[in-house]
Each structure stands twice: as structure tokens, then as C-alpha cells.
Amino acid sequence: MKPNGEQIRNNRYPHTPGHRRGAPETSRLAAESMASSAKTIRAKVLAVVASSGEAGVIGDDVANALDLHVTQVRSRLSELVAGKKVADSKKRRKGASGRSGCVWVLPEFAPADNDNDTQDGAA
């Protein structure tokens, strides 16, 4: 049985982990290794963002709340941004590294002119 259009769409980024064209093979392998758990982690990341309300969270906050490595969280945040489930608040906070991180919120708490172009949590 051939997959229908919705099944094909749901098997592509941001519904499944992705990698950039031309990226090293390790990037593709990493995306494939996360495929089975990404949906669950993505839902948990979304729940943490939702529970933060207008205050929002940075990647470090989510990683701490879920006891995950921040790289796992940032990848899921990128998927949620691409899927328009999470938005850039245009605010920044310092993270554990001492660098500014994007404060993520649900779209209803984002500025009206938000174009959701920030996806990596970097300022």
C-alpha cells in the first residue's frame, strides 16, 4: 500500500528529525537515531514551553526541566519553531554558557511582528 500525502508529510522535517543537505554522514545518522524518541521529547519540550507562559524559556531551562542534554532540546525546539508551535519572543537571557539564548514562547505570547526566523536559540 502506497503512503498517502499526509503520511509522506509526517515523515519529513519538522515532524521527524532532520539534517542539512551536504552535512556529514554523522548528522544523518544522528537524525535517524533520534527518530523513535523525537516525537515524545518534542511533546515534552512543548509542554515545558507552554507551562512557562509569557515568561518563556531558553533551551537550558527546558534541558534542566527534562533532564536532557541541551542539544537534544535545541533540535526539538527547532522542529517546533518550523512547525509553528513555538515562537521567538525576541527576548534574550543568559544561559549556562554565559551566552544569550533565545527566549521561546507559545505563538500567542510572541510579538505580533514575529516572523519565527530564529531557530537555533542563538542571539
PDB file of N, CA and C in Angstrom:
ATOM      1  N   MET A   1       0.845  -1.177   0.000  1.00  0.00           N
ATOM      2  CA  MET A   1       0.000   0.000   0.000  1.00  0.00           C
ATOM      3  C   MET A   1       0.893   1.244   0.000  1.00  0.00           C
ATOM      4  N   LYS A   2       0.622   2.159  -0.922  1.00  0.00           N
ATOM      5  CA  LYS A   2       1.407   3.384  -1.020  1.00  0.00           C
ATOM      6  C   LYS A   2       1.007   4.364   0.078  1.00  0.00           C
ATOM      7  N   PRO A   3       1.991   5.089   0.627  1.00  0.00           N
ATOM      8  CA  PRO A   3       1.645   6.090   1.645  1.00  0.00           C
ATOM      9  C   PRO A   3       0.870   7.242   1.017  1.00  0.00           C
ATOM     10  N   ASN A   4      -0.074   7.803   1.800  1.00  0.00           N
ATOM     11  CA  ASN A   4      -0.826   8.949   1.295  1.00  0.00           C
ATOM     12  C   ASN A   4      -0.044  10.233   1.563  1.00  0.00           C
ATOM     13  N   GLY A   5      -0.562  11.344   1.077  1.00  0.00           N
ATOM     14  CA  GLY A   5       0.126  12.631   1.209  1.00  0.00           C
ATOM     15  C   GLY A   5       0.417  13.013   2.647  1.00  0.00           C
ATOM     16  N   GLU A   6      -0.530  12.782   3.545  1.00  0.00           N
ATOM     17  CA  GLU A   6      -0.325  13.134   4.955  1.00  0.00           C
ATOM     18  C   GLU A   6       0.779  12.286   5.577  1.00  0.00           C
ATOM     19  N   GLN A   7       0.818  11.005   5.253  1.00  0.00           N
ATOM     20  CA  GLN A   7       1.871  10.144   5.785  1.00  0.00           C
ATOM     21  C   GLN A   7       3.246  10.602   5.296  1.00  0.00           C
ATOM     22  N   ILE A   8       3.338  11.006   4.049  1.00  0.00           N
ATOM     23  CA  ILE A   8       4.604  11.487   3.499  1.00  0.00           C
ATOM     24  C   ILE A   8       5.014  12.772   4.211  1.00  0.00           C
ATOM     25  N   ARG A   9       4.089  13.716   4.377  1.00  0.00           N
ATOM     26  CA  ARG A   9       4.388  14.976   5.078  1.00  0.00           C
ATOM     27  C   ARG A   9       4.831  14.724   6.512  1.00  0.00           C
ATOM     28  N   ASN A  10       4.203  13.775   7.196  1.00  0.00           N
ATOM     29  CA  ASN A  10       4.530  13.493   8.589  1.00  0.00           C
ATOM     30  C   ASN A  10       5.847  12.743   8.751  1.00  0.00           C
ATOM     31  N   ASN A  11       6.436  12.294   7.653  1.00  0.00           N
ATOM     32  CA  ASN A  11       7.734  11.631   7.707  1.00  0.00           C
ATOM     33  C   ASN A  11       8.858  12.582   7.289  1.00  0.00           C
ATOM     34  N   ARG A  12       8.583  13.870   7.269  1.00  0.00           N
ATOM     35  CA  ARG A  12       9.570  14.878   6.909  1.00  0.00           C
ATOM     36  C   ARG A  12       9.702  15.892   8.031  1.00  0.00           C
ATOM     37  N   TYR A  13      10.821  16.608   8.003  1.00  0.00           N
ATOM     38  CA  TYR A  13      11.056  17.694   8.952  1.00  0.00           C
ATOM     39  C   TYR A  13       9.941  18.717   8.824  1.00  0.00           C
ATOM     40  N   PRO A  14       9.356  19.230   9.869  1.00  0.00           N
ATOM     41  CA  PRO A  14       9.743  19.149  11.266  1.00  0.00           C
ATOM     42  C   PRO A  14       9.076  18.025  12.055  1.00  0.00           C
ATOM     43  N   HIS A  15       8.375  17.139  11.369  1.00  0.00           N
ATOM     44  CA  HIS A  15       7.690  16.043  12.078  1.00  0.00           C
ATOM     45  C   HIS A  15       8.650  14.942  12.495  1.00  0.00           C
ATOM     46  N   THR A  16       9.780  14.857  11.827  1.00  0.00           N
ATOM     47  CA  THR A  16      10.832  13.914  12.192  1.00  0.00           C
ATOM     48  C   THR A  16      12.159  14.660  12.200  1.00  0.00           C
ATOM     49  N   PRO A  17      13.151  14.177  12.944  1.00  0.00           N
ATOM     50  CA  PRO A  17      14.451  14.859  12.974  1.00  0.00           C
ATOM     51  C   PRO A  17      15.045  14.962  11.577  1.00  0.00           C
ATOM     52  N   GLY A  18      15.718  16.052  11.330  1.00  0.00           N
ATOM     53  CA  GLY A  18      16.306  16.268  10.020  1.00  0.00           C
ATOM     54  C   GLY A  18      17.791  16.531  10.087  1.00  0.00           C
ATOM     55  N   HIS A  19      18.361  16.742   8.924  1.00  0.00           N
ATOM     56  CA  HIS A  19      19.767  17.125   8.797  1.00  0.00           C
ATOM     57  C   HIS A  19      19.894  17.966   7.536  1.00  0.00           C
ATOM     58  N   ARG A  20      20.924  18.760   7.475  1.00  0.00           N
ATOM     59  CA  ARG A  20      21.124  19.642   6.331  1.00  0.00           C
ATOM     60  C   ARG A  20      21.674  18.875   5.145  1.00  0.00           C
ATOM     61  N   ARG A  21      21.286  19.308   3.946  1.00  0.00           N
ATOM     62  CA  ARG A  21      21.876  18.735   2.741  1.00  0.00           C
ATOM     63  C   ARG A  21      23.371  18.998   2.767  1.00  0.00           C
ATOM     64  N   GLY A  22      24.121  18.013   2.395  1.00  0.00           N
ATOM     65  CA  GLY A  22      25.564  18.161   2.360  1.00  0.00           C
ATOM     66  C   GLY A  22      26.234  18.024   3.717  1.00  0.00           C
ATOM     67  N   ALA A  23      25.443  17.761   4.762  1.00  0.00           N
ATOM     68  CA  ALA A  23      26.013  17.587   6.108  1.00  0.00           C
ATOM     69  C   ALA A  23      26.774  16.265   6.152  1.00  0.00           C
ATOM     70  N   PRO A  24      27.686  16.141   7.098  1.00  0.00           N
ATOM     71  CA  PRO A  24      28.405  14.872   7.228  1.00  0.00           C
ATOM     72  C   PRO A  24      27.448  13.713   7.497  1.00  0.00           C
ATOM     73  N   GLU A  25      27.888  12.522   7.157  1.00  0.00           N
ATOM     74  CA  GLU A  25      27.054  11.340   7.372  1.00  0.00           C
ATOM     75  C   GLU A  25      26.643  11.207   8.833  1.00  0.00           C
ATOM     76  N   THR A  26      27.492  11.658   9.749  1.00  0.00           N
ATOM     77  CA  THR A  26      27.161  11.557  11.175  1.00  0.00           C
ATOM     78  C   THR A  26      25.903  12.349  11.512  1.00  0.00           C
ATOM     79  N   SER A  27      25.658  13.438  10.789  1.00  0.00           N
ATOM     80  CA  SER A  27      24.446  14.232  11.017  1.00  0.00           C
ATOM     81  C   SER A  27      23.205  13.429  10.627  1.00  0.00           C
ATOM     82  N   ARG A  28      23.279  12.770   9.482  1.00  0.00           N
ATOM     83  CA  ARG A  28      22.155  11.942   9.036  1.00  0.00           C
ATOM     84  C   ARG A  28      21.923  10.797  10.012  1.00  0.00           C
ATOM     85  N   LEU A  29      22.999  10.158  10.438  1.00  0.00           N
ATOM     86  CA  LEU A  29      22.884   9.043  11.383  1.00  0.00           C
ATOM     87  C   LEU A  29      22.306   9.494  12.718  1.00  0.00           C
ATOM     88  N   ALA A  30      22.699  10.674  13.165  1.00  0.00           N
ATOM     89  CA  ALA A  30      22.163  11.206  14.422  1.00  0.00           C
ATOM     90  C   ALA A  30      20.656  11.445  14.297  1.00  0.00           C
ATOM     91  N   ALA A  31      20.238  12.022  13.171  1.00  0.00           N
ATOM     92  CA  ALA A  31      18.806  12.263  12.950  1.00  0.00           C
ATOM     93  C   ALA A  31      18.041  10.946  12.950  1.00  0.00           C
ATOM     94  N   GLU A  32      18.573   9.951  12.267  1.00  0.00           N
ATOM     95  CA  GLU A  32      17.909   8.647  12.215  1.00  0.00           C
ATOM     96  C   GLU A  32      17.837   8.005  13.605  1.00  0.00           C
ATOM     97  N   SER A  33      18.894   8.182  14.403  1.00  0.00           N
ATOM     98  CA  SER A  33      18.906   7.562  15.732  1.00  0.00           C
ATOM     99  C   SER A  33      17.879   8.193  16.672  1.00  0.00           C
ATOM    100  N   MET A  34      17.492   9.432  16.405  1.00  0.00           N
ATOM    101  CA  MET A  34      16.522  10.125  17.261  1.00  0.00           C
ATOM    102  C   MET A  34      15.078   9.934  16.800  1.00  0.00           C
ATOM    103  N   ALA A  35      14.893   9.345  15.632  1.00  0.00           N
ATOM    104  CA  ALA A  35      13.554   9.252  15.046  1.00  0.00           C
ATOM    105  C   ALA A  35      12.532   8.626  15.981  1.00  0.00           C
ATOM    106  N   SER A  36      12.904   7.581  16.698  1.00  0.00           N
ATOM    107  CA  SER A  36      11.923   6.896  17.543  1.00  0.00           C
ATOM    108  C   SER A  36      11.557   7.676  18.803  1.00  0.00           C
ATOM    109  N   SER A  37      12.456   8.506  19.311  1.00  0.00           N
ATOM    110  CA  SER A  37      12.177   9.231  20.552  1.00  0.00           C
ATOM    111  C   SER A  37      11.856  10.710  20.356  1.00  0.00           C
ATOM    112  N   ALA A  38      12.110  11.236  19.180  1.00  0.00           N
ATOM    113  CA  ALA A  38      11.948  12.674  18.959  1.00  0.00           C
ATOM    114  C   ALA A  38      10.522  13.160  19.197  1.00  0.00           C
ATOM    115  N   LYS A  39       9.539  12.404  18.785  1.00  0.00           N
ATOM    116  CA  LYS A  39       8.146  12.831  18.946  1.00  0.00           C
ATOM    117  C   LYS A  39       7.793  12.999  20.424  1.00  0.00           C
ATOM    118  N   THR A  40       8.210  12.040  21.241  1.00  0.00           N
ATOM    119  CA  THR A  40       7.945  12.115  22.682  1.00  0.00           C
ATOM    120  C   THR A  40       8.679  13.289  23.318  1.00  0.00           C
ATOM    121  N   ILE A  41       9.953  13.450  22.968  1.00  0.00           N
ATOM    122  CA  ILE A  41      10.730  14.557  23.527  1.00  0.00           C
ATOM    123  C   ILE A  41      10.159  15.894  23.061  1.00  0.00           C
ATOM    124  N   ARG A  42       9.771  15.971  21.795  1.00  0.00           N
ATOM    125  CA  ARG A  42       9.179  17.199  21.253  1.00  0.00           C
ATOM    126  C   ARG A  42       7.928  17.580  22.039  1.00  0.00           C
ATOM    127  N   ALA A  43       7.084  16.607  22.362  1.00  0.00           N
ATOM    128  CA  ALA A  43       5.866  16.871  23.140  1.00  0.00           C
ATOM    129  C   ALA A  43       6.217  17.375  24.538  1.00  0.00           C
ATOM    130  N   LYS A  44       7.243  16.789  25.148  1.00  0.00           N
ATOM    131  CA  LYS A  44       7.659  17.230  26.485  1.00  0.00           C
ATOM    132  C   LYS A  44       8.241  18.642  26.441  1.00  0.00           C
ATOM    133  N   VAL A  45       9.033  18.933  25.409  1.00  0.00           N
ATOM    134  CA  VAL A  45       9.597  20.280  25.244  1.00  0.00           C
ATOM    135  C   VAL A  45       8.468  21.284  25.074  1.00  0.00           C
ATOM    136  N   LEU A  46       7.475  20.954  24.243  1.00  0.00           N
ATOM    137  CA  LEU A  46       6.338  21.848  24.039  1.00  0.00           C
ATOM    138  C   LEU A  46       5.591  22.086  25.351  1.00  0.00           C
ATOM    139  N   ALA A  47       5.440  21.061  26.164  1.00  0.00           N
ATOM    140  CA  ALA A  47       4.741  21.201  27.450  1.00  0.00           C
ATOM    141  C   ALA A  47       5.504  22.151  28.384  1.00  0.00           C
ATOM    142  N   VAL A  48       6.840  22.074  28.384  1.00  0.00           N
ATOM    143  CA  VAL A  48       7.630  22.976  29.227  1.00  0.00           C
ATOM    144  C   VAL A  48       7.482  24.413  28.732  1.00  0.00           C
ATOM    145  N   VAL A  49       7.549  24.612  27.422  1.00  0.00           N
ATOM    146  CA  VAL A  49       7.366  25.966  26.870  1.00  0.00           C
ATOM    147  C   VAL A  49       5.979  26.476  27.232  1.00  0.00           C
ATOM    148  N   ALA A  50       4.970  25.654  27.062  1.00  0.00           N
ATOM    149  CA  ALA A  50       3.593  26.063  27.370  1.00  0.00           C
ATOM    150  C   ALA A  50       3.443  26.432  28.842  1.00  0.00           C
ATOM    151  N   SER A  51       4.056  25.652  29.713  1.00  0.00           N
ATOM    152  CA  SER A  51       3.913  25.929  31.145  1.00  0.00           C
ATOM    153  C   SER A  51       4.642  27.196  31.573  1.00  0.00           C
ATOM    154  N   SER A  52       5.536  27.691  30.752  1.00  0.00           N
ATOM    155  CA  SER A  52       6.288  28.906  31.087  1.00  0.00           C
ATOM    156  C   SER A  52       5.491  30.174  30.809  1.00  0.00           C
ATOM    157  N   GLY A  53       4.419  30.049  30.057  1.00  0.00           N
ATOM    158  CA  GLY A  53       3.574  31.215  29.758  1.00  0.00           C
ATOM    159  C   GLY A  53       4.323  32.330  29.050  1.00  0.00           C
ATOM    160  N   GLU A  54       3.969  33.567  29.393  1.00  0.00           N
ATOM    161  CA  GLU A  54       4.583  34.732  28.753  1.00  0.00           C
ATOM    162  C   GLU A  54       6.060  34.872  29.076  1.00  0.00           C
ATOM    163  N   ALA A  55       6.488  34.348  30.223  1.00  0.00           N
ATOM    164  CA  ALA A  55       7.895  34.465  30.631  1.00  0.00           C
ATOM    165  C   ALA A  55       8.814  33.723  29.674  1.00  0.00           C
ATOM    166  N   GLY A  56       8.352  32.608  29.127  1.00  0.00           N
ATOM    167  CA  GLY A  56       9.141  31.835  28.192  1.00  0.00           C
ATOM    168  C   GLY A  56      10.306  31.114  28.831  1.00  0.00           C
ATOM    169  N   VAL A  57      11.032  30.378  28.030  1.00  0.00           N
ATOM    170  CA  VAL A  57      12.174  29.592  28.479  1.00  0.00           C
ATOM    171  C   VAL A  57      13.273  29.635  27.428  1.00  0.00           C
ATOM    172  N   ILE A  58      14.515  29.432  27.890  1.00  0.00           N
ATOM    173  CA  ILE A  58      15.613  29.218  26.950  1.00  0.00           C
ATOM    174  C   ILE A  58      15.889  27.714  26.919  1.00  0.00           C
ATOM    175  N   GLY A  59      16.674  27.287  25.965  1.00  0.00           N
ATOM    176  CA  GLY A  59      16.979  25.864  25.827  1.00  0.00           C
ATOM    177  C   GLY A  59      17.509  25.238  27.098  1.00  0.00           C
ATOM    178  N   ASP A  60      18.377  25.967  27.823  1.00  0.00           N
ATOM    179  CA  ASP A  60      18.925  25.438  29.071  1.00  0.00           C
ATOM    180  C   ASP A  60      17.829  25.151  30.088  1.00  0.00           C
ATOM    181  N   ASP A  61      16.826  26.031  30.162  1.00  0.00           N
ATOM    182  CA  ASP A  61      15.711  25.826  31.102  1.00  0.00           C
ATOM    183  C   ASP A  61      14.980  24.523  30.792  1.00  0.00           C
ATOM    184  N   VAL A  62      14.720  24.317  29.510  1.00  0.00           N
ATOM    185  CA  VAL A  62      13.993  23.110  29.094  1.00  0.00           C
ATOM    186  C   VAL A  62      14.835  21.872  29.372  1.00  0.00           C
ATOM    187  N   ALA A  63      16.121  21.939  29.031  1.00  0.00           N
ATOM    188  CA  ALA A  63      17.009  20.797  29.272  1.00  0.00           C
ATOM    189  C   ALA A  63      17.045  20.434  30.752  1.00  0.00           C
ATOM    190  N   ASN A  64      17.138  21.442  31.607  1.00  0.00           N
ATOM    191  CA  ASN A  64      17.148  21.185  33.053  1.00  0.00           C
ATOM    192  C   ASN A  64      15.831  20.587  33.526  1.00  0.00           C
ATOM    193  N   ALA A  65      14.723  21.115  33.037  1.00  0.00           N
ATOM    194  CA  ALA A  65      13.408  20.625  33.452  1.00  0.00           C
ATOM    195  C   ALA A  65      13.190  19.164  33.054  1.00  0.00           C
ATOM    196  N   LEU A  66      13.746  18.782  31.905  1.00  0.00           N
ATOM    197  CA  LEU A  66      13.524  17.429  31.389  1.00  0.00           C
ATOM    198  C   LEU A  66      14.705  16.496  31.618  1.00  0.00           C
ATOM    199  N   ASP A  67      15.760  17.010  32.239  1.00  0.00           N
ATOM    200  CA  ASP A  67      16.973  16.235  32.472  1.00  0.00           C
ATOM    201  C   ASP A  67      17.507  15.646  31.164  1.00  0.00           C
ATOM    202  N   LEU A  68      17.606  16.518  30.159  1.00  0.00           N
ATOM    203  CA  LEU A  68      18.135  16.142  28.851  1.00  0.00           C
ATOM    204  C   LEU A  68      19.333  17.016  28.525  1.00  0.00           C
ATOM    205  N   HIS A  69      20.125  16.580  27.553  1.00  0.00           N
ATOM    206  CA  HIS A  69      21.226  17.413  27.081  1.00  0.00           C
ATOM    207  C   HIS A  69      20.634  18.538  26.237  1.00  0.00           C
ATOM    208  N   VAL A  70      21.202  19.712  26.351  1.00  0.00           N
ATOM    209  CA  VAL A  70      20.662  20.880  25.674  1.00  0.00           C
ATOM    210  C   VAL A  70      20.619  20.715  24.153  1.00  0.00           C
ATOM    211  N   THR A  71      21.524  19.928  23.580  1.00  0.00           N
ATOM    212  CA  THR A  71      21.469  19.738  22.123  1.00  0.00           C
ATOM    213  C   THR A  71      20.223  18.981  21.690  1.00  0.00           C
ATOM    214  N   GLN A  72      19.758  18.039  22.523  1.00  0.00           N
ATOM    215  CA  GLN A  72      18.510  17.347  22.215  1.00  0.00           C
ATOM    216  C   GLN A  72      17.344  18.331  22.240  1.00  0.00           C
ATOM    217  N   VAL A  73      17.370  19.212  23.212  1.00  0.00           N
ATOM    218  CA  VAL A  73      16.291  20.191  23.375  1.00  0.00           C
ATOM    219  C   VAL A  73      16.300  21.196  22.233  1.00  0.00           C
ATOM    220  N   ARG A  74      17.458  21.709  21.886  1.00  0.00           N
ATOM    221  CA  ARG A  74      17.530  22.710  20.811  1.00  0.00           C
ATOM    222  C   ARG A  74      17.027  22.153  19.491  1.00  0.00           C
ATOM    223  N   SER A  75      17.333  20.911  19.213  1.00  0.00           N
ATOM    224  CA  SER A  75      16.846  20.293  17.976  1.00  0.00           C
ATOM    225  C   SER A  75      15.325  20.198  17.980  1.00  0.00           C
ATOM    226  N   ARG A  76      14.758  19.806  19.113  1.00  0.00           N
ATOM    227  CA  ARG A  76      13.298  19.711  19.197  1.00  0.00           C
ATOM    228  C   ARG A  76      12.668  21.102  19.125  1.00  0.00           C
ATOM    229  N   LEU A  77      13.305  22.112  19.731  1.00  0.00           N
ATOM    230  CA  LEU A  77      12.795  23.484  19.631  1.00  0.00           C
ATOM    231  C   LEU A  77      12.794  23.943  18.179  1.00  0.00           C
ATOM    232  N   SER A  78      13.846  23.627  17.435  1.00  0.00           N
ATOM    233  CA  SER A  78      13.903  23.990  16.017  1.00  0.00           C
ATOM    234  C   SER A  78      12.751  23.358  15.242  1.00  0.00           C
ATOM    235  N   GLU A  79      12.453  22.102  15.545  1.00  0.00           N
ATOM    236  CA  GLU A  79      11.330  21.427  14.893  1.00  0.00           C
ATOM    237  C   GLU A  79      10.015  22.094  15.258  1.00  0.00           C
ATOM    238  N   LEU A  80       9.855  22.459  16.525  1.00  0.00           N
ATOM    239  CA  LEU A  80       8.621  23.115  16.972  1.00  0.00           C
ATOM    240  C   LEU A  80       8.473  24.499  16.344  1.00  0.00           C
ATOM    241  N   VAL A  81       9.560  25.219  16.184  1.00  0.00           N
ATOM    242  CA  VAL A  81       9.512  26.524  15.517  1.00  0.00           C
ATOM    243  C   VAL A  81       9.114  26.328  14.056  1.00  0.00           C
ATOM    244  N   ALA A  82       9.744  25.371  13.382  1.00  0.00           N
ATOM    245  CA  ALA A  82       9.414  25.110  11.978  1.00  0.00           C
ATOM    246  C   ALA A  82       7.951  24.706  11.817  1.00  0.00           C
ATOM    247  N   GLY A  83       7.410  24.020  12.825  1.00  0.00           N
ATOM    248  CA  GLY A  83       6.007  23.621  12.800  1.00  0.00           C
ATOM    249  C   GLY A  83       5.058  24.679  13.334  1.00  0.00           C
ATOM    250  N   LYS A  84       5.608  25.852  13.672  1.00  0.00           N
ATOM    251  CA  LYS A  84       4.839  26.999  14.172  1.00  0.00           C
ATOM    252  C   LYS A  84       4.116  26.719  15.482  1.00  0.00           C
ATOM    253  N   LYS A  85       4.691  25.846  16.298  1.00  0.00           N
ATOM    254  CA  LYS A  85       4.121  25.538  17.619  1.00  0.00           C
ATOM    255  C   LYS A  85       4.800  26.342  18.714  1.00  0.00           C
ATOM    256  N   VAL A  86       6.009  26.852  18.433  1.00  0.00           N
ATOM    257  CA  VAL A  86       6.793  27.653  19.359  1.00  0.00           C
ATOM    258  C   VAL A  86       7.329  28.841  18.577  1.00  0.00           C
ATOM    259  N   ALA A  87       7.475  29.975  19.269  1.00  0.00           N
ATOM    260  CA  ALA A  87       7.933  31.189  18.591  1.00  0.00           C
ATOM    261  C   ALA A  87       9.021  31.897  19.391  1.00  0.00           C
ATOM    262  N   ASP A  88       9.780  32.700  18.702  1.00  0.00           N
ATOM    263  CA  ASP A  88      10.825  33.538  19.291  1.00  0.00           C
ATOM    264  C   ASP A  88      10.148  34.750  19.926  1.00  0.00           C
ATOM    265  N   SER A  89      10.371  34.946  21.225  1.00  0.00           N
ATOM    266  CA  SER A  89       9.764  36.086  21.925  1.00  0.00           C
ATOM    267  C   SER A  89      10.487  37.392  21.610  1.00  0.00           C
ATOM    268  N   LYS A  90      11.646  37.291  20.955  1.00  0.00           N
ATOM    269  CA  LYS A  90      12.547  38.416  20.660  1.00  0.00           C
ATOM    270  C   LYS A  90      13.249  38.912  21.925  1.00  0.00           C
ATOM    271  N   LYS A  91      13.107  38.165  23.016  1.00  0.00           N
ATOM    272  CA  LYS A  91      13.842  38.456  24.247  1.00  0.00           C
ATOM    273  C   LYS A  91      15.025  37.494  24.317  1.00  0.00           C
ATOM    274  N   ARG A  92      16.020  37.852  25.105  1.00  0.00           N
ATOM    275  CA  ARG A  92      17.195  37.006  25.290  1.00  0.00           C
ATOM    276  C   ARG A  92      17.517  36.908  26.776  1.00  0.00           C
ATOM    277  N   ARG A  93      18.046  35.744  27.174  1.00  0.00           N
ATOM    278  CA  ARG A  93      18.516  35.524  28.546  1.00  0.00           C
ATOM    279  C   ARG A  93      19.827  34.781  28.480  1.00  0.00           C
ATOM    280  N   LYS A  94      20.661  35.003  29.484  1.00  0.00           N
ATOM    281  CA  LYS A  94      21.925  34.268  29.539  1.00  0.00           C
ATOM    282  C   LYS A  94      21.677  32.844  30.001  1.00  0.00           C
ATOM    283  N   GLY A  95      22.360  31.924  29.328  1.00  0.00           N
ATOM    284  CA  GLY A  95      22.274  30.519  29.682  1.00  0.00           C
ATOM    285  C   GLY A  95      23.491  30.077  30.468  1.00  0.00           C
ATOM    286  N   ALA A  96      23.614  28.781  30.650  1.00  0.00           N
ATOM    287  CA  ALA A  96      24.707  28.210  31.429  1.00  0.00           C
ATOM    288  C   ALA A  96      26.072  28.550  30.851  1.00  0.00           C
ATOM    289  N   SER A  97      26.137  28.735  29.538  1.00  0.00           N
ATOM    290  CA  SER A  97      27.408  29.052  28.889  1.00  0.00           C
ATOM    291  C   SER A  97      27.817  30.512  29.085  1.00  0.00           C
ATOM    292  N   GLY A  98      26.878  31.319  29.588  1.00  0.00           N
ATOM    293  CA  GLY A  98      27.133  32.747  29.728  1.00  0.00           C
ATOM    294  C   GLY A  98      26.728  33.531  28.495  1.00  0.00           C
ATOM    295  N   ARG A  99      26.308  32.845  27.457  1.00  0.00           N
ATOM    296  CA  ARG A  99      25.871  33.497  26.222  1.00  0.00           C
ATOM    297  C   ARG A  99      24.361  33.705  26.241  1.00  0.00           C
ATOM    298  N   SER A 100      23.920  34.673  25.452  1.00  0.00           N
ATOM    299  CA  SER A 100      22.485  34.938  25.360  1.00  0.00           C
ATOM    300  C   SER A 100      21.789  33.839  24.590  1.00  0.00           C
ATOM    301  N   GLY A 101      20.635  33.450  25.081  1.00  0.00           N
ATOM    302  CA  GLY A 101      19.818  32.447  24.410  1.00  0.00           C
ATOM    303  C   GLY A 101      18.450  33.015  24.110  1.00  0.00           C
ATOM    304  N   CYS A 102      17.870  32.554  23.036  1.00  0.00           N
ATOM    305  CA  CYS A 102      16.529  32.967  22.625  1.00  0.00           C
ATOM    306  C   CYS A 102      15.517  32.498  23.671  1.00  0.00           C
ATOM    307  N   VAL A 103      14.588  33.368  24.026  1.00  0.00           N
ATOM    308  CA  VAL A 103      13.501  33.006  24.938  1.00  0.00           C
ATOM    309  C   VAL A 103      12.325  32.541  24.080  1.00  0.00           C
ATOM    310  N   TRP A 104      11.975  31.272  24.238  1.00  0.00           N
ATOM    311  CA  TRP A 104      10.915  30.659  23.445  1.00  0.00           C
ATOM    312  C   TRP A 104       9.584  30.721  24.182  1.00  0.00           C
ATOM    313  N   VAL A 105       8.520  30.984  23.437  1.00  0.00           N
ATOM    314  CA  VAL A 105       7.163  31.064  23.971  1.00  0.00           C
ATOM    315  C   VAL A 105       6.200  30.394  22.991  1.00  0.00           C
ATOM    316  N   LEU A 106       4.971  30.186  23.450  1.00  0.00           N
ATOM    317  CA  LEU A 106       3.936  29.770  22.516  1.00  0.00           C
ATOM    318  C   LEU A 106       3.633  30.944  21.586  1.00  0.00           C
ATOM    319  N   PRO A 107       3.177  30.682  20.370  1.00  0.00           N
ATOM    320  CA  PRO A 107       2.932  31.765  19.417  1.00  0.00           C
ATOM    321  C   PRO A 107       2.027  32.878  19.935  1.00  0.00           C
ATOM    322  N   GLU A 108       1.073  32.553  20.799  1.00  0.00           N
ATOM    323  CA  GLU A 108       0.166  33.611  21.283  1.00  0.00           C
ATOM    324  C   GLU A 108       0.870  34.620  22.187  1.00  0.00           C
ATOM    325  N   PHE A 109       2.048  34.276  22.685  1.00  0.00           N
ATOM    326  CA  PHE A 109       2.808  35.198  23.531  1.00  0.00           C
ATOM    327  C   PHE A 109       3.935  35.903  22.775  1.00  0.00           C
ATOM    328  N   ALA A 110       4.075  35.592  21.505  1.00  0.00           N
ATOM    329  CA  ALA A 110       5.139  36.194  20.689  1.00  0.00           C
ATOM    330  C   ALA A 110       4.704  37.570  20.189  1.00  0.00           C
ATOM    331  N   PRO A 111       5.667  38.446  19.879  1.00  0.00           N
ATOM    332  CA  PRO A 111       5.316  39.747  19.310  1.00  0.00           C
ATOM    333  C   PRO A 111       4.520  39.571  18.022  1.00  0.00           C
ATOM    334  N   ALA A 112       3.635  40.507  17.768  1.00  0.00           N
ATOM    335  CA  ALA A 112       2.760  40.429  16.587  1.00  0.00           C
ATOM    336  C   ALA A 112       3.548  40.388  15.287  1.00  0.00           C
ATOM    337  N   ASP A 113       4.724  41.019  15.252  1.00  0.00           N
ATOM    338  CA  ASP A 113       5.504  41.052  14.026  1.00  0.00           C
ATOM    339  C   ASP A 113       6.516  39.912  13.932  1.00  0.00           C
ATOM    340  N   ASN A 114       6.345  38.890  14.747  1.00  0.00           N
ATOM    341  CA  ASN A 114       7.292  37.779  14.799  1.00  0.00           C
ATOM    342  C   ASN A 114       7.252  36.989  13.505  1.00  0.00           C
ATOM    343  N   ASP A 115       8.420  36.800  12.905  1.00  0.00           N
ATOM    344  CA  ASP A 115       8.490  36.026  11.663  1.00  0.00           C
ATOM    345  C   ASP A 115       9.061  34.630  11.894  1.00  0.00           C
ATOM    346  N   ASN A 116       9.334  34.273  13.177  1.00  0.00           N
ATOM    347  CA  ASN A 116       9.818  32.933  13.530  1.00  0.00           C
ATOM    348  C   ASN A 116      11.059  32.507  12.767  1.00  0.00           C
ATOM    349  N   ASP A 117      11.957  33.467  12.475  1.00  0.00           N
ATOM    350  CA  ASP A 117      13.137  33.094  11.702  1.00  0.00           C
ATOM    351  C   ASP A 117      14.285  32.606  12.566  1.00  0.00           C
ATOM    352  N   THR A 118      14.225  32.766  13.880  1.00  0.00           N
ATOM    353  CA  THR A 118      15.287  32.283  14.742  1.00  0.00           C
ATOM    354  C   THR A 118      14.976  30.846  15.123  1.00  0.00           C
ATOM    355  N   GLN A 119      15.864  29.924  14.766  1.00  0.00           N
ATOM    356  CA  GLN A 119      15.586  28.528  15.044  1.00  0.00           C
ATOM    357  C   GLN A 119      16.670  27.838  15.836  1.00  0.00           C
ATOM    358  N   ASP A 120      17.794  28.482  16.082  1.00  0.00           N
ATOM    359  CA  ASP A 120      18.874  27.756  16.736  1.00  0.00           C
ATOM    360  C   ASP A 120      19.107  28.187  18.173  1.00  0.00           C
ATOM    361  N   GLY A 121      18.282  29.080  18.691  1.00  0.00           N
ATOM    362  CA  GLY A 121      18.437  29.509  20.068  1.00  0.00           C
ATOM    363  C   GLY A 121      19.552  30.505  20.263  1.00  0.00           C
ATOM    364  N   ALA A 122      20.185  30.927  19.207  1.00  0.00           N
ATOM    365  CA  ALA A 122      21.290  31.892  19.317  1.00  0.00           C
ATOM    366  C   ALA A 122      20.775  33.301  19.140  1.00  0.00           C
ATOM    367  N   ALA A 123      21.453  34.209  19.782  1.00  0.00           N
ATOM    368  CA  ALA A 123      21.062  35.610  19.660  1.00  0.00           C
ATOM    369  C   ALA A 123      21.656  36.197  18.416  1.00  0.00           C
TER     370      ALA A 123
END
